[in-house]
Amino acid sequence: MADDTDFDAAKFYETHARANAARGVVVASAPGASLVPRPVAGLNQAQTNNAFIVIEVARQMRLPERAMVVAIATALQETYLRNLANPKVPASLKLPHDGTGTDHDSLGIFQQRASIWGTPEQLMDPAFASAKFYNKLVKIDGWQNMSVTGAAQAVQRSAFASAYAKHATTAQRIVDELTD
């Protein structure tokens, strides 16, 4: 597996037409066909699009479904799959976003800190943020055998470690519906 610094989000979108469409880029498709997945599990279209990108990055990285469920549960807890900018990081407000958050310098769907995880441009890109999450996840010994909460917490180091548990069932449903 490539190191997270090798992840090329632009190339990912070039080679994944449906993920590119999910981020709002107009992509040619057959008449009447949509490349954008329909909303699932009570999510709105933007949340579904973000979930689809998270899943497609895992597929590209050849990660198992378990990794997808951990990532989706994490993003549900952190932002309910909304790509959040942060006024404390002014550059993030100039990038596409679904709302704002104010926790430290946290950005994007995983609320990754700009002072630790990457640039605002990187962290506000759901594909790059997903790759960063997955690369940290797979470096954790035994993550495959941990609970969703344990694996998510090992990556995120949240002040509310047990909060991820309530999203495990919904995360599994989202993964099931978007991987059919």
N, C-alpha and C. Protein backbone atom coordinates (compact mmCIF):
# COMPACT_ATOMS: atom_id res chain seq x y z
N MET A 1 0.84 -1.18 0.00
CA MET A 1 0.00 0.00 0.00
C MET A 1 0.89 1.25 0.00
N ALA A 2 0.47 2.23 -0.75
CA ALA A 2 1.22 3.48 -0.83
C ALA A 2 1.06 4.27 0.46
N ASP A 3 2.08 5.02 0.79
CA ASP A 3 2.01 5.91 1.93
C ASP A 3 0.99 7.00 1.61
N ASP A 4 0.36 7.57 2.65
CA ASP A 4 -0.69 8.56 2.42
C ASP A 4 -0.18 9.79 1.67
N THR A 5 1.09 10.10 1.76
CA THR A 5 1.61 11.26 1.04
C THR A 5 1.64 10.99 -0.45
N ASP A 6 1.53 9.72 -0.86
CA ASP A 6 1.51 9.37 -2.27
C ASP A 6 0.10 9.39 -2.85
N PHE A 7 -0.91 9.59 -2.04
CA PHE A 7 -2.28 9.56 -2.55
C PHE A 7 -2.51 10.79 -3.41
N ASP A 8 -2.92 10.56 -4.63
CA ASP A 8 -3.17 11.62 -5.59
C ASP A 8 -4.68 11.74 -5.79
N ALA A 9 -5.29 12.69 -5.10
CA ALA A 9 -6.74 12.85 -5.18
C ALA A 9 -7.19 13.20 -6.59
N ALA A 10 -6.43 14.03 -7.29
CA ALA A 10 -6.81 14.40 -8.66
C ALA A 10 -6.85 13.16 -9.55
N LYS A 11 -5.85 12.30 -9.43
CA LYS A 11 -5.83 11.07 -10.23
C LYS A 11 -6.98 10.15 -9.83
N PHE A 12 -7.27 10.08 -8.53
CA PHE A 12 -8.40 9.27 -8.06
C PHE A 12 -9.68 9.72 -8.76
N TYR A 13 -9.95 11.02 -8.77
CA TYR A 13 -11.18 11.51 -9.39
C TYR A 13 -11.17 11.29 -10.91
N GLU A 14 -10.01 11.42 -11.53
CA GLU A 14 -9.91 11.17 -12.98
C GLU A 14 -10.30 9.75 -13.33
N THR A 15 -9.93 8.82 -12.49
CA THR A 15 -10.15 7.40 -12.79
C THR A 15 -11.43 6.84 -12.15
N HIS A 16 -12.13 7.65 -11.42
CA HIS A 16 -13.38 7.22 -10.77
C HIS A 16 -14.49 8.21 -11.12
N ALA A 17 -15.10 8.00 -12.27
CA ALA A 17 -16.12 8.93 -12.76
C ALA A 17 -17.26 9.13 -11.77
N ARG A 18 -17.69 8.05 -11.12
CA ARG A 18 -18.81 8.19 -10.17
C ARG A 18 -18.40 9.02 -8.96
N ALA A 19 -17.17 8.84 -8.47
CA ALA A 19 -16.70 9.65 -7.34
C ALA A 19 -16.56 11.10 -7.77
N ASN A 20 -16.10 11.33 -8.98
CA ASN A 20 -15.98 12.69 -9.50
C ASN A 20 -17.36 13.34 -9.58
N ALA A 21 -18.34 12.58 -10.08
CA ALA A 21 -19.70 13.10 -10.14
C ALA A 21 -20.25 13.36 -8.74
N ALA A 22 -19.90 12.50 -7.79
CA ALA A 22 -20.38 12.66 -6.42
C ALA A 22 -19.86 13.93 -5.77
N ARG A 23 -18.71 14.41 -6.22
CA ARG A 23 -18.21 15.66 -5.64
C ARG A 23 -18.71 16.88 -6.40
N GLY A 24 -19.62 16.64 -7.35
CA GLY A 24 -20.30 17.75 -8.01
C GLY A 24 -19.77 18.10 -9.40
N VAL A 25 -18.82 17.36 -9.92
CA VAL A 25 -18.30 17.63 -11.25
C VAL A 25 -19.24 17.01 -12.27
N VAL A 26 -19.58 17.78 -13.29
CA VAL A 26 -20.45 17.26 -14.34
C VAL A 26 -19.66 16.27 -15.18
N VAL A 27 -20.16 15.05 -15.23
CA VAL A 27 -19.52 13.97 -15.97
C VAL A 27 -20.53 13.41 -16.95
N ALA A 28 -20.09 13.21 -18.19
CA ALA A 28 -20.99 12.67 -19.21
C ALA A 28 -21.41 11.25 -18.84
N SER A 29 -22.68 10.96 -19.03
CA SER A 29 -23.20 9.60 -18.81
C SER A 29 -24.29 9.35 -19.83
N ALA A 30 -24.73 8.13 -19.92
CA ALA A 30 -25.79 7.77 -20.85
C ALA A 30 -27.06 8.56 -20.51
N PRO A 31 -27.85 8.90 -21.52
CA PRO A 31 -29.09 9.64 -21.26
C PRO A 31 -29.96 8.91 -20.22
N GLY A 32 -30.43 9.66 -19.24
CA GLY A 32 -31.28 9.09 -18.20
C GLY A 32 -30.54 8.37 -17.09
N ALA A 33 -29.23 8.17 -17.28
CA ALA A 33 -28.43 7.48 -16.25
C ALA A 33 -27.77 8.51 -15.35
N SER A 34 -27.62 8.16 -14.11
CA SER A 34 -26.95 9.05 -13.17
C SER A 34 -25.73 8.34 -12.59
N LEU A 35 -24.63 9.04 -12.57
CA LEU A 35 -23.43 8.48 -11.96
C LEU A 35 -23.43 8.69 -10.45
N VAL A 36 -24.25 9.63 -9.99
CA VAL A 36 -24.31 9.95 -8.57
C VAL A 36 -25.21 8.94 -7.87
N PRO A 37 -24.73 8.35 -6.76
CA PRO A 37 -25.57 7.37 -6.06
C PRO A 37 -26.80 8.05 -5.45
N ARG A 38 -27.89 7.31 -5.40
CA ARG A 38 -29.11 7.85 -4.77
C ARG A 38 -28.89 7.88 -3.26
N PRO A 39 -29.53 8.81 -2.55
CA PRO A 39 -29.38 8.87 -1.10
C PRO A 39 -29.76 7.55 -0.43
N VAL A 40 -29.01 7.19 0.60
CA VAL A 40 -29.22 5.94 1.33
C VAL A 40 -29.30 6.21 2.83
N ALA A 41 -29.92 5.30 3.54
CA ALA A 41 -29.92 5.25 5.01
C ALA A 41 -30.31 6.58 5.66
N GLY A 42 -31.22 7.32 5.04
CA GLY A 42 -31.67 8.58 5.62
C GLY A 42 -30.72 9.75 5.42
N LEU A 43 -29.66 9.55 4.64
CA LEU A 43 -28.71 10.63 4.36
C LEU A 43 -29.25 11.52 3.25
N ASN A 44 -28.80 12.77 3.22
CA ASN A 44 -29.13 13.61 2.08
C ASN A 44 -28.13 13.34 0.95
N GLN A 45 -28.28 14.00 -0.18
CA GLN A 45 -27.42 13.71 -1.33
C GLN A 45 -25.96 14.02 -1.04
N ALA A 46 -25.68 15.15 -0.40
CA ALA A 46 -24.28 15.51 -0.11
C ALA A 46 -23.63 14.50 0.82
N GLN A 47 -24.34 14.06 1.85
CA GLN A 47 -23.81 13.06 2.78
C GLN A 47 -23.58 11.73 2.06
N THR A 48 -24.52 11.34 1.22
CA THR A 48 -24.37 10.10 0.46
C THR A 48 -23.17 10.20 -0.47
N ASN A 49 -23.00 11.33 -1.12
CA ASN A 49 -21.85 11.52 -2.01
C ASN A 49 -20.55 11.37 -1.24
N ASN A 50 -20.48 11.97 -0.05
CA ASN A 50 -19.26 11.86 0.76
C ASN A 50 -19.03 10.40 1.17
N ALA A 51 -20.08 9.71 1.57
CA ALA A 51 -19.95 8.30 1.95
C ALA A 51 -19.46 7.47 0.77
N PHE A 52 -19.99 7.74 -0.41
CA PHE A 52 -19.59 7.02 -1.60
C PHE A 52 -18.09 7.21 -1.87
N ILE A 53 -17.61 8.43 -1.72
CA ILE A 53 -16.18 8.70 -1.94
C ILE A 53 -15.34 7.96 -0.90
N VAL A 54 -15.74 7.97 0.36
CA VAL A 54 -15.02 7.24 1.41
C VAL A 54 -14.90 5.76 1.04
N ILE A 55 -15.98 5.19 0.56
CA ILE A 55 -16.00 3.77 0.18
C ILE A 55 -15.14 3.52 -1.05
N GLU A 56 -15.21 4.39 -2.04
CA GLU A 56 -14.42 4.20 -3.26
C GLU A 56 -12.92 4.30 -3.00
N VAL A 57 -12.52 5.17 -2.07
CA VAL A 57 -11.10 5.26 -1.71
C VAL A 57 -10.65 3.94 -1.08
N ALA A 58 -11.46 3.38 -0.21
CA ALA A 58 -11.12 2.08 0.40
C ALA A 58 -10.99 1.00 -0.67
N ARG A 59 -11.89 1.02 -1.63
CA ARG A 59 -11.81 0.04 -2.71
C ARG A 59 -10.51 0.20 -3.50
N GLN A 60 -10.17 1.44 -3.81
CA GLN A 60 -8.93 1.68 -4.56
C GLN A 60 -7.71 1.21 -3.77
N MET A 61 -7.77 1.38 -2.47
CA MET A 61 -6.66 0.98 -1.61
C MET A 61 -6.71 -0.52 -1.29
N ARG A 62 -7.71 -1.21 -1.82
CA ARG A 62 -7.90 -2.65 -1.63
C ARG A 62 -8.08 -3.02 -0.16
N LEU A 63 -8.86 -2.19 0.53
CA LEU A 63 -9.14 -2.44 1.94
C LEU A 63 -10.44 -3.21 2.07
N PRO A 64 -10.58 -3.97 3.15
CA PRO A 64 -11.80 -4.75 3.34
C PRO A 64 -12.98 -3.87 3.77
N GLU A 65 -14.16 -4.46 3.66
CA GLU A 65 -15.39 -3.76 4.06
C GLU A 65 -15.30 -3.24 5.49
N ARG A 66 -14.62 -3.96 6.36
CA ARG A 66 -14.50 -3.54 7.76
C ARG A 66 -13.89 -2.13 7.86
N ALA A 67 -12.91 -1.84 7.03
CA ALA A 67 -12.29 -0.50 7.04
C ALA A 67 -13.31 0.55 6.63
N MET A 68 -14.14 0.23 5.66
CA MET A 68 -15.18 1.16 5.21
C MET A 68 -16.15 1.47 6.34
N VAL A 69 -16.55 0.43 7.07
CA VAL A 69 -17.51 0.61 8.17
C VAL A 69 -16.89 1.48 9.26
N VAL A 70 -15.63 1.24 9.60
CA VAL A 70 -14.96 2.05 10.62
C VAL A 70 -14.90 3.51 10.17
N ALA A 71 -14.54 3.74 8.91
CA ALA A 71 -14.43 5.12 8.40
C ALA A 71 -15.78 5.81 8.36
N ILE A 72 -16.80 5.12 7.88
CA ILE A 72 -18.13 5.73 7.81
C ILE A 72 -18.66 6.03 9.21
N ALA A 73 -18.49 5.11 10.15
CA ALA A 73 -18.93 5.36 11.53
C ALA A 73 -18.21 6.57 12.12
N THR A 74 -16.93 6.68 11.81
CA THR A 74 -16.15 7.82 12.30
C THR A 74 -16.69 9.12 11.72
N ALA A 75 -16.90 9.15 10.41
CA ALA A 75 -17.40 10.37 9.78
C ALA A 75 -18.82 10.71 10.24
N LEU A 76 -19.63 9.68 10.53
CA LEU A 76 -20.96 9.95 11.07
C LEU A 76 -20.86 10.64 12.43
N GLN A 77 -19.96 10.16 13.27
CA GLN A 77 -19.81 10.77 14.59
C GLN A 77 -19.22 12.18 14.50
N GLU A 78 -18.22 12.33 13.68
CA GLU A 78 -17.51 13.62 13.62
C GLU A 78 -18.34 14.71 12.97
N THR A 79 -19.05 14.40 11.87
CA THR A 79 -19.73 15.46 11.11
C THR A 79 -21.05 15.02 10.48
N TYR A 80 -21.48 13.82 10.77
CA TYR A 80 -22.61 13.20 10.08
C TYR A 80 -22.40 13.27 8.57
N LEU A 81 -21.16 12.98 8.16
CA LEU A 81 -20.74 12.92 6.76
C LEU A 81 -20.88 14.26 6.04
N ARG A 82 -20.76 15.35 6.80
CA ARG A 82 -20.76 16.68 6.18
C ARG A 82 -19.32 17.16 6.11
N ASN A 83 -18.97 17.81 5.03
CA ASN A 83 -17.62 18.33 4.83
C ASN A 83 -17.57 19.73 5.45
N LEU A 84 -17.02 19.82 6.66
CA LEU A 84 -17.09 21.08 7.42
C LEU A 84 -15.81 21.91 7.31
N ALA A 85 -16.02 23.18 6.99
CA ALA A 85 -14.95 24.17 7.06
C ALA A 85 -14.86 24.65 8.50
N ASN A 86 -13.92 25.54 8.78
CA ASN A 86 -13.74 26.04 10.15
C ASN A 86 -13.25 27.49 10.08
N PRO A 87 -13.98 28.41 10.72
CA PRO A 87 -13.56 29.82 10.70
C PRO A 87 -12.16 30.04 11.29
N LYS A 88 -11.69 29.12 12.13
CA LYS A 88 -10.35 29.23 12.70
C LYS A 88 -9.28 28.90 11.65
N VAL A 89 -9.70 28.34 10.52
CA VAL A 89 -8.83 28.05 9.38
C VAL A 89 -9.47 28.75 8.17
N PRO A 90 -9.24 30.05 8.03
CA PRO A 90 -9.94 30.84 7.01
C PRO A 90 -9.86 30.27 5.59
N ALA A 91 -8.76 29.65 5.24
CA ALA A 91 -8.63 29.08 3.89
C ALA A 91 -9.71 28.02 3.64
N SER A 92 -10.16 27.34 4.68
CA SER A 92 -11.16 26.28 4.51
C SER A 92 -12.51 26.85 4.07
N LEU A 93 -12.79 28.09 4.44
CA LEU A 93 -14.06 28.71 4.10
C LEU A 93 -14.16 29.03 2.61
N LYS A 94 -13.02 29.08 1.93
CA LYS A 94 -12.99 29.37 0.50
C LYS A 94 -13.11 28.10 -0.34
N LEU A 95 -13.14 26.96 0.31
CA LEU A 95 -13.23 25.66 -0.37
C LEU A 95 -14.66 25.14 -0.28
N PRO A 96 -15.05 24.24 -1.20
CA PRO A 96 -16.41 23.67 -1.10
C PRO A 96 -16.62 23.02 0.26
N HIS A 97 -17.76 23.34 0.88
CA HIS A 97 -18.07 22.77 2.19
C HIS A 97 -19.57 22.72 2.41
N ASP A 98 -19.98 21.89 3.38
CA ASP A 98 -21.39 21.66 3.68
C ASP A 98 -21.83 22.36 4.97
N GLY A 99 -20.97 23.16 5.55
CA GLY A 99 -21.26 23.83 6.81
C GLY A 99 -19.95 24.16 7.49
N THR A 100 -20.05 24.60 8.74
CA THR A 100 -18.85 24.94 9.49
C THR A 100 -18.86 24.29 10.87
N GLY A 101 -17.66 24.04 11.36
CA GLY A 101 -17.44 23.55 12.71
C GLY A 101 -16.41 24.45 13.35
N THR A 102 -16.26 24.35 14.67
CA THR A 102 -15.34 25.25 15.35
C THR A 102 -14.41 24.54 16.33
N ASP A 103 -14.26 23.23 16.20
CA ASP A 103 -13.41 22.48 17.12
C ASP A 103 -11.94 22.64 16.71
N HIS A 104 -11.18 23.33 17.53
CA HIS A 104 -9.75 23.55 17.28
C HIS A 104 -9.54 24.01 15.83
N ASP A 105 -8.68 23.30 15.08
CA ASP A 105 -8.46 23.59 13.66
C ASP A 105 -8.90 22.39 12.82
N SER A 106 -9.96 21.74 13.27
CA SER A 106 -10.46 20.52 12.62
C SER A 106 -11.26 20.84 11.37
N LEU A 107 -11.05 19.99 10.34
CA LEU A 107 -11.65 20.23 9.03
C LEU A 107 -12.18 18.94 8.41
N GLY A 108 -13.12 19.10 7.48
CA GLY A 108 -13.55 18.00 6.63
C GLY A 108 -14.49 17.02 7.29
N ILE A 109 -14.71 15.90 6.60
CA ILE A 109 -15.68 14.92 7.07
C ILE A 109 -15.21 14.14 8.29
N PHE A 110 -13.89 14.07 8.50
CA PHE A 110 -13.35 13.35 9.66
C PHE A 110 -12.90 14.30 10.77
N GLN A 111 -13.05 15.60 10.55
CA GLN A 111 -12.59 16.61 11.53
C GLN A 111 -11.12 16.39 11.88
N GLN A 112 -10.30 16.28 10.85
CA GLN A 112 -8.86 16.11 11.02
C GLN A 112 -8.24 17.49 11.20
N ARG A 113 -7.30 17.58 12.13
CA ARG A 113 -6.71 18.87 12.47
C ARG A 113 -5.68 19.29 11.42
N ALA A 114 -5.84 20.52 10.95
CA ALA A 114 -4.93 21.05 9.93
C ALA A 114 -3.50 21.14 10.45
N SER A 115 -3.33 21.29 11.73
CA SER A 115 -1.98 21.39 12.31
C SER A 115 -1.29 20.03 12.39
N ILE A 116 -2.02 18.95 12.12
CA ILE A 116 -1.48 17.59 12.24
C ILE A 116 -1.61 16.78 10.95
N TRP A 117 -2.78 16.80 10.33
CA TRP A 117 -3.12 15.86 9.27
C TRP A 117 -2.80 16.34 7.86
N GLY A 118 -2.78 17.63 7.60
CA GLY A 118 -2.53 18.10 6.24
C GLY A 118 -3.01 19.53 6.04
N THR A 119 -2.96 19.96 4.79
CA THR A 119 -3.37 21.33 4.46
C THR A 119 -4.89 21.42 4.41
N PRO A 120 -5.43 22.62 4.51
CA PRO A 120 -6.89 22.76 4.37
C PRO A 120 -7.40 22.18 3.05
N GLU A 121 -6.68 22.42 1.96
CA GLU A 121 -7.10 21.90 0.66
C GLU A 121 -7.18 20.37 0.68
N GLN A 122 -6.22 19.74 1.33
CA GLN A 122 -6.21 18.28 1.41
C GLN A 122 -7.35 17.76 2.29
N LEU A 123 -7.49 18.33 3.46
CA LEU A 123 -8.46 17.82 4.43
C LEU A 123 -9.91 18.12 4.05
N MET A 124 -10.11 19.14 3.22
CA MET A 124 -11.46 19.45 2.76
C MET A 124 -11.83 18.62 1.52
N ASP A 125 -10.91 17.81 1.05
CA ASP A 125 -11.19 16.90 -0.07
C ASP A 125 -11.53 15.53 0.53
N PRO A 126 -12.77 15.07 0.38
CA PRO A 126 -13.15 13.80 1.01
C PRO A 126 -12.28 12.61 0.61
N ALA A 127 -11.78 12.58 -0.62
CA ALA A 127 -10.93 11.45 -1.03
C ALA A 127 -9.59 11.50 -0.31
N PHE A 128 -8.96 12.66 -0.27
CA PHE A 128 -7.67 12.76 0.42
C PHE A 128 -7.84 12.50 1.91
N ALA A 129 -8.87 13.09 2.51
CA ALA A 129 -9.10 12.89 3.95
C ALA A 129 -9.34 11.41 4.25
N SER A 130 -10.05 10.72 3.38
CA SER A 130 -10.29 9.29 3.56
C SER A 130 -9.00 8.50 3.49
N ALA A 131 -8.15 8.83 2.51
CA ALA A 131 -6.86 8.13 2.39
C ALA A 131 -6.01 8.35 3.64
N LYS A 132 -6.01 9.56 4.17
CA LYS A 132 -5.26 9.83 5.41
C LYS A 132 -5.81 8.97 6.55
N PHE A 133 -7.13 8.91 6.67
CA PHE A 133 -7.76 8.10 7.71
C PHE A 133 -7.36 6.64 7.55
N TYR A 134 -7.53 6.11 6.36
CA TYR A 134 -7.24 4.69 6.12
C TYR A 134 -5.76 4.36 6.34
N ASN A 135 -4.88 5.23 5.93
CA ASN A 135 -3.46 4.95 6.13
C ASN A 135 -3.10 4.89 7.61
N LYS A 136 -3.74 5.70 8.41
CA LYS A 136 -3.49 5.61 9.85
C LYS A 136 -4.13 4.35 10.43
N LEU A 137 -5.34 4.04 9.97
CA LEU A 137 -6.05 2.85 10.45
C LEU A 137 -5.23 1.58 10.22
N VAL A 138 -4.72 1.39 9.02
CA VAL A 138 -4.04 0.13 8.70
C VAL A 138 -2.69 -0.01 9.40
N LYS A 139 -2.20 1.05 9.99
CA LYS A 139 -0.94 0.98 10.76
C LYS A 139 -1.17 0.54 12.20
N ILE A 140 -2.42 0.40 12.60
CA ILE A 140 -2.77 0.01 13.97
C ILE A 140 -2.84 -1.51 14.04
N ASP A 141 -1.98 -2.09 14.85
CA ASP A 141 -1.97 -3.55 15.00
C ASP A 141 -3.32 -4.05 15.47
N GLY A 142 -3.86 -5.02 14.74
CA GLY A 142 -5.09 -5.67 15.15
C GLY A 142 -6.37 -4.90 14.91
N TRP A 143 -6.32 -3.83 14.12
CA TRP A 143 -7.51 -3.01 13.92
C TRP A 143 -8.69 -3.84 13.39
N GLN A 144 -8.39 -4.87 12.58
CA GLN A 144 -9.45 -5.69 11.99
C GLN A 144 -10.27 -6.42 13.04
N ASN A 145 -9.67 -6.68 14.20
CA ASN A 145 -10.35 -7.42 15.26
C ASN A 145 -10.89 -6.52 16.37
N MET A 146 -10.68 -5.23 16.24
CA MET A 146 -11.20 -4.29 17.23
C MET A 146 -12.67 -3.99 16.95
N SER A 147 -13.36 -3.52 17.95
CA SER A 147 -14.71 -3.01 17.72
C SER A 147 -14.60 -1.79 16.80
N VAL A 148 -15.69 -1.41 16.19
CA VAL A 148 -15.69 -0.20 15.37
C VAL A 148 -15.23 0.98 16.22
N THR A 149 -15.74 1.06 17.43
CA THR A 149 -15.35 2.15 18.33
C THR A 149 -13.86 2.11 18.64
N GLY A 150 -13.33 0.94 18.94
CA GLY A 150 -11.90 0.82 19.26
C GLY A 150 -11.02 1.23 18.11
N ALA A 151 -11.37 0.80 16.90
CA ALA A 151 -10.57 1.15 15.73
C ALA A 151 -10.68 2.63 15.42
N ALA A 152 -11.89 3.18 15.48
CA ALA A 152 -12.08 4.61 15.21
C ALA A 152 -11.32 5.46 16.23
N GLN A 153 -11.40 5.08 17.48
CA GLN A 153 -10.72 5.83 18.52
C GLN A 153 -9.21 5.74 18.37
N ALA A 154 -8.70 4.60 17.95
CA ALA A 154 -7.25 4.45 17.76
C ALA A 154 -6.74 5.41 16.68
N VAL A 155 -7.58 5.71 15.71
CA VAL A 155 -7.19 6.67 14.67
C VAL A 155 -7.42 8.10 15.13
N GLN A 156 -8.60 8.37 15.64
CA GLN A 156 -9.02 9.75 15.90
C GLN A 156 -8.55 10.32 17.25
N ARG A 157 -8.43 9.47 18.25
CA ARG A 157 -8.07 9.90 19.60
C ARG A 157 -9.03 11.00 20.11
N SER A 158 -10.31 10.68 20.03
CA SER A 158 -11.36 11.61 20.41
C SER A 158 -11.49 11.74 21.92
N ALA A 159 -11.97 12.89 22.35
CA ALA A 159 -12.28 13.10 23.76
C ALA A 159 -13.52 12.29 24.15
N PHE A 160 -14.28 11.85 23.16
CA PHE A 160 -15.51 11.10 23.39
C PHE A 160 -15.38 9.72 22.73
N ALA A 161 -14.49 8.92 23.27
CA ALA A 161 -14.11 7.64 22.66
C ALA A 161 -15.27 6.70 22.38
N SER A 162 -16.24 6.65 23.26
CA SER A 162 -17.33 5.69 23.09
C SER A 162 -18.41 6.16 22.12
N ALA A 163 -18.32 7.38 21.65
CA ALA A 163 -19.38 7.95 20.81
C ALA A 163 -19.52 7.27 19.45
N TYR A 164 -18.47 6.62 18.98
CA TYR A 164 -18.53 5.99 17.65
C TYR A 164 -19.47 4.78 17.63
N ALA A 165 -19.64 4.13 18.77
CA ALA A 165 -20.43 2.88 18.83
C ALA A 165 -21.85 3.06 18.31
N LYS A 166 -22.47 4.18 18.61
CA LYS A 166 -23.86 4.38 18.21
C LYS A 166 -24.05 4.47 16.70
N HIS A 167 -22.95 4.59 15.96
CA HIS A 167 -23.04 4.72 14.50
C HIS A 167 -22.67 3.45 13.74
N ALA A 168 -22.28 2.40 14.44
CA ALA A 168 -21.79 1.18 13.78
C ALA A 168 -22.86 0.54 12.89
N THR A 169 -24.08 0.43 13.37
CA THR A 169 -25.14 -0.21 12.59
C THR A 169 -25.49 0.61 11.36
N THR A 170 -25.62 1.92 11.52
CA THR A 170 -25.91 2.78 10.37
C THR A 170 -24.76 2.75 9.38
N ALA A 171 -23.54 2.75 9.87
CA ALA A 171 -22.37 2.69 8.98
C ALA A 171 -22.40 1.41 8.16
N GLN A 172 -22.72 0.30 8.79
CA GLN A 172 -22.79 -0.96 8.05
C GLN A 172 -23.88 -0.89 6.98
N ARG A 173 -25.01 -0.31 7.33
CA ARG A 173 -26.11 -0.18 6.36
C ARG A 173 -25.70 0.69 5.18
N ILE A 174 -25.01 1.79 5.44
CA ILE A 174 -24.54 2.67 4.37
C ILE A 174 -23.58 1.92 3.46
N VAL A 175 -22.64 1.22 4.05
CA VAL A 175 -21.68 0.45 3.26
C VAL A 175 -22.41 -0.61 2.44
N ASP A 176 -23.33 -1.32 3.05
CA ASP A 176 -24.07 -2.36 2.33
C ASP A 176 -24.82 -1.76 1.13
N GLU A 177 -25.49 -0.64 1.35
CA GLU A 177 -26.29 -0.04 0.28
C GLU A 177 -25.45 0.58 -0.83
N LEU A 178 -24.27 1.08 -0.50
CA LEU A 178 -23.42 1.71 -1.51
C LEU A 178 -22.44 0.75 -2.18
N THR A 179 -22.38 -0.48 -1.70
CA THR A 179 -21.48 -1.45 -2.33
C THR A 179 -22.25 -2.54 -3.06
N ASP A 180 -23.56 -2.41 -3.14
CA ASP A 180 -24.36 -3.40 -3.89
C ASP A 180 -24.02 -3.36 -5.36
